[in-house]
Amino acid sequence: MTRLATIAAVTLVGTANAFTLPQNNMIASRSALFMADDKAPVERGVSMDQDGKSNVWAIEPKMEIENKSTEEKTGSALIAVGGLAIFGAIAAAALTNLPDPNQF
């Protein structure tokens, strides 16, 4: 019983860090990520014209193009359904052949 209590205590102490707030060590080193020159970082979608007025425009997201045809999608779906059916058949065979617990 003492061994079980020790293992449980070590496990609880080990998982205690999962519920603590992270340390903000990145704030101090964040300034090192920028270059040392005096230029301000350039933002995407913003520019300045000759008069000093800012121009702002929208940046459209990248388009995602589907590479698979409907035949490939159908084939993948059939393979997934077939795999699930085989898994179900194996599980059903294993569960129906379990020994009777009242026999022991």
C-alpha atoms as a PDB file:
ATOM      1  CA  MET A   1       0.000   0.000   0.000  1.00  0.00           C
ATOM      2  CA  THR A   2       2.891   2.354   0.728  1.00  0.00           C
ATOM      3  CA  ARG A   3       4.376   1.730  -2.703  1.00  0.00           C
ATOM      4  CA  LEU A   4       1.043   2.586  -4.366  1.00  0.00           C
ATOM      5  CA  ALA A   5       0.762   5.794  -2.333  1.00  0.00           C
ATOM      6  CA  THR A   6       4.315   6.763  -3.298  1.00  0.00           C
ATOM      7  CA  ILE A   7       3.655   6.170  -6.988  1.00  0.00           C
ATOM      8  CA  ALA A   8       0.416   8.168  -6.786  1.00  0.00           C
ATOM      9  CA  ALA A   9       2.180  11.054  -5.032  1.00  0.00           C
ATOM     10  CA  VAL A  10       4.988  11.160  -7.599  1.00  0.00           C
ATOM     11  CA  THR A  11       2.443  11.093 -10.422  1.00  0.00           C
ATOM     12  CA  LEU A  12       0.443  13.962  -8.901  1.00  0.00           C
ATOM     13  CA  VAL A  13       3.559  16.072  -8.369  1.00  0.00           C
ATOM     14  CA  GLY A  14       4.681  15.374 -11.934  1.00  0.00           C
ATOM     15  CA  THR A  15       1.379  16.508 -13.409  1.00  0.00           C
ATOM     16  CA  ALA A  16       1.107  19.602 -11.201  1.00  0.00           C
ATOM     17  CA  ASN A  17       3.159  21.650 -13.695  1.00  0.00           C
ATOM     18  CA  ALA A  18       0.497  21.064 -16.328  1.00  0.00           C
ATOM     19  CA  PHE A  19      -1.863  23.379 -14.450  1.00  0.00           C
ATOM     20  CA  THR A  20       0.519  26.258 -13.722  1.00  0.00           C
ATOM     21  CA  LEU A  21       0.865  29.422 -15.765  1.00  0.00           C
ATOM     22  CA  PRO A  22       3.785  29.469 -18.204  1.00  0.00           C
ATOM     23  CA  GLN A  23       6.738  31.679 -17.415  1.00  0.00           C
ATOM     24  CA  ASN A  24       7.052  34.722 -19.680  1.00  0.00           C
ATOM     25  CA  ASN A  25      10.737  34.405 -20.536  1.00  0.00           C
ATOM     26  CA  MET A  26      10.103  35.400 -24.148  1.00  0.00           C
ATOM     27  CA  ILE A  27       9.382  39.040 -23.262  1.00  0.00           C
ATOM     28  CA  ALA A  28      12.995  39.775 -22.397  1.00  0.00           C
ATOM     29  CA  SER A  29      14.390  38.099 -25.513  1.00  0.00           C
ATOM     30  CA  ARG A  30      11.778  39.420 -27.932  1.00  0.00           C
ATOM     31  CA  SER A  31      13.867  42.509 -28.730  1.00  0.00           C
ATOM     32  CA  ALA A  32      16.690  40.284 -29.961  1.00  0.00           C
ATOM     33  CA  LEU A  33      14.471  38.974 -32.751  1.00  0.00           C
ATOM     34  CA  PHE A  34      14.518  42.272 -34.636  1.00  0.00           C
ATOM     35  CA  MET A  35      17.423  43.587 -36.628  1.00  0.00           C
ATOM     36  CA  ALA A  36      19.631  46.214 -35.051  1.00  0.00           C
ATOM     37  CA  ASP A  37      19.084  48.914 -37.714  1.00  0.00           C
ATOM     38  CA  ASP A  38      16.813  51.893 -37.091  1.00  0.00           C
ATOM     39  CA  LYS A  39      14.248  51.065 -39.783  1.00  0.00           C
ATOM     40  CA  ALA A  40      10.726  50.368 -38.612  1.00  0.00           C
ATOM     41  CA  PRO A  41       9.368  46.936 -39.583  1.00  0.00           C
ATOM     42  CA  VAL A  42       7.281  46.977 -42.762  1.00  0.00           C
ATOM     43  CA  GLU A  43       3.718  45.799 -42.338  1.00  0.00           C
ATOM     44  CA  ARG A  44       1.978  43.820 -45.026  1.00  0.00           C
ATOM     45  CA  GLY A  45      -0.939  45.642 -46.608  1.00  0.00           C
ATOM     46  CA  VAL A  46       0.229  49.139 -45.619  1.00  0.00           C
ATOM     47  CA  SER A  47       2.296  51.655 -47.590  1.00  0.00           C
ATOM     48  CA  MET A  48       2.980  55.385 -47.566  1.00  0.00           C
ATOM     49  CA  ASP A  49       2.672  57.607 -50.626  1.00  0.00           C
ATOM     50  CA  GLN A  50       4.683  60.734 -51.519  1.00  0.00           C
ATOM     51  CA  ASP A  51       2.457  63.025 -49.438  1.00  0.00           C
ATOM     52  CA  GLY A  52       2.931  60.910 -46.307  1.00  0.00           C
ATOM     53  CA  LYS A  53      -0.592  59.524 -46.416  1.00  0.00           C
ATOM     54  CA  SER A  54      -0.977  55.872 -45.593  1.00  0.00           C
ATOM     55  CA  ASN A  55      -2.520  53.463 -48.033  1.00  0.00           C
ATOM     56  CA  VAL A  56      -4.130  50.359 -46.566  1.00  0.00           C
ATOM     57  CA  TRP A  57      -5.380  47.433 -48.597  1.00  0.00           C
ATOM     58  CA  ALA A  58      -6.688  43.993 -47.813  1.00  0.00           C
ATOM     59  CA  ILE A  59      -4.501  40.921 -48.076  1.00  0.00           C
ATOM     60  CA  GLU A  60      -6.445  38.022 -49.462  1.00  0.00           C
ATOM     61  CA  PRO A  61      -5.773  34.572 -48.046  1.00  0.00           C
ATOM     62  CA  LYS A  62      -4.089  31.941 -50.164  1.00  0.00           C
ATOM     63  CA  MET A  63      -6.463  29.798 -52.167  1.00  0.00           C
ATOM     64  CA  GLU A  64      -6.444  26.091 -51.413  1.00  0.00           C
ATOM     65  CA  ILE A  65      -6.710  23.915 -54.482  1.00  0.00           C
ATOM     66  CA  GLU A  66      -7.886  20.345 -54.235  1.00  0.00           C
ATOM     67  CA  ASN A  67      -5.435  17.971 -55.853  1.00  0.00           C
ATOM     68  CA  LYS A  68      -7.483  14.779 -55.596  1.00  0.00           C
ATOM     69  CA  SER A  69     -10.081  13.804 -58.137  1.00  0.00           C
ATOM     70  CA  THR A  70     -13.465  12.379 -57.182  1.00  0.00           C
ATOM     71  CA  GLU A  71     -12.242   8.894 -58.103  1.00  0.00           C
ATOM     72  CA  GLU A  72      -9.349   9.173 -55.634  1.00  0.00           C
ATOM     73  CA  LYS A  73     -11.688  10.480 -52.938  1.00  0.00           C
ATOM     74  CA  THR A  74     -14.138   7.634 -53.542  1.00  0.00           C
ATOM     75  CA  GLY A  75     -11.315   5.097 -53.419  1.00  0.00           C
ATOM     76  CA  SER A  76     -10.032   6.529 -50.144  1.00  0.00           C
ATOM     77  CA  ALA A  77     -13.526   6.466 -48.639  1.00  0.00           C
ATOM     78  CA  LEU A  78     -14.033   2.835 -49.698  1.00  0.00           C
ATOM     79  CA  ILE A  79     -10.696   1.842 -48.171  1.00  0.00           C
ATOM     80  CA  ALA A  80     -11.621   3.607 -44.908  1.00  0.00           C
ATOM     81  CA  VAL A  81     -15.050   1.917 -44.759  1.00  0.00           C
ATOM     82  CA  GLY A  82     -13.497  -1.457 -45.591  1.00  0.00           C
ATOM     83  CA  GLY A  83     -10.891  -1.047 -42.858  1.00  0.00           C
ATOM     84  CA  LEU A  84     -13.591  -0.132 -40.351  1.00  0.00           C
ATOM     85  CA  ALA A  85     -15.640  -3.190 -41.363  1.00  0.00           C
ATOM     86  CA  ILE A  86     -12.630  -5.502 -40.981  1.00  0.00           C
ATOM     87  CA  PHE A  87     -11.855  -3.993 -37.571  1.00  0.00           C
ATOM     88  CA  GLY A  88     -15.488  -4.472 -36.513  1.00  0.00           C
ATOM     89  CA  ALA A  89     -15.465  -8.106 -37.673  1.00  0.00           C
ATOM     90  CA  ILE A  90     -12.240  -8.859 -35.771  1.00  0.00           C
ATOM     91  CA  ALA A  91     -13.557  -7.121 -32.650  1.00  0.00           C
ATOM     92  CA  ALA A  92     -16.873  -8.992 -32.849  1.00  0.00           C
ATOM     93  CA  ALA A  93     -15.062 -12.332 -33.289  1.00  0.00           C
ATOM     94  CA  ALA A  94     -12.805 -11.615 -30.315  1.00  0.00           C
ATOM     95  CA  LEU A  95     -15.656 -10.486 -28.060  1.00  0.00           C
ATOM     96  CA  THR A  96     -17.919 -13.425 -28.871  1.00  0.00           C
ATOM     97  CA  ASN A  97     -15.152 -15.930 -28.094  1.00  0.00           C
ATOM     98  CA  LEU A  98     -14.309 -14.628 -24.624  1.00  0.00           C
ATOM     99  CA  PRO A  99     -14.398 -17.279 -21.869  1.00  0.00           C
ATOM    100  CA  ASP A 100     -17.349 -17.393 -19.501  1.00  0.00           C
ATOM    101  CA  PRO A 101     -16.377 -15.605 -16.247  1.00  0.00           C
ATOM    102  CA  ASN A 102     -18.694 -17.851 -14.217  1.00  0.00           C
ATOM    103  CA  GLN A 103     -16.742 -20.878 -15.357  1.00  0.00           C
ATOM    104  CA  PHE A 104     -13.736 -20.097 -13.140  1.00  0.00           C
END
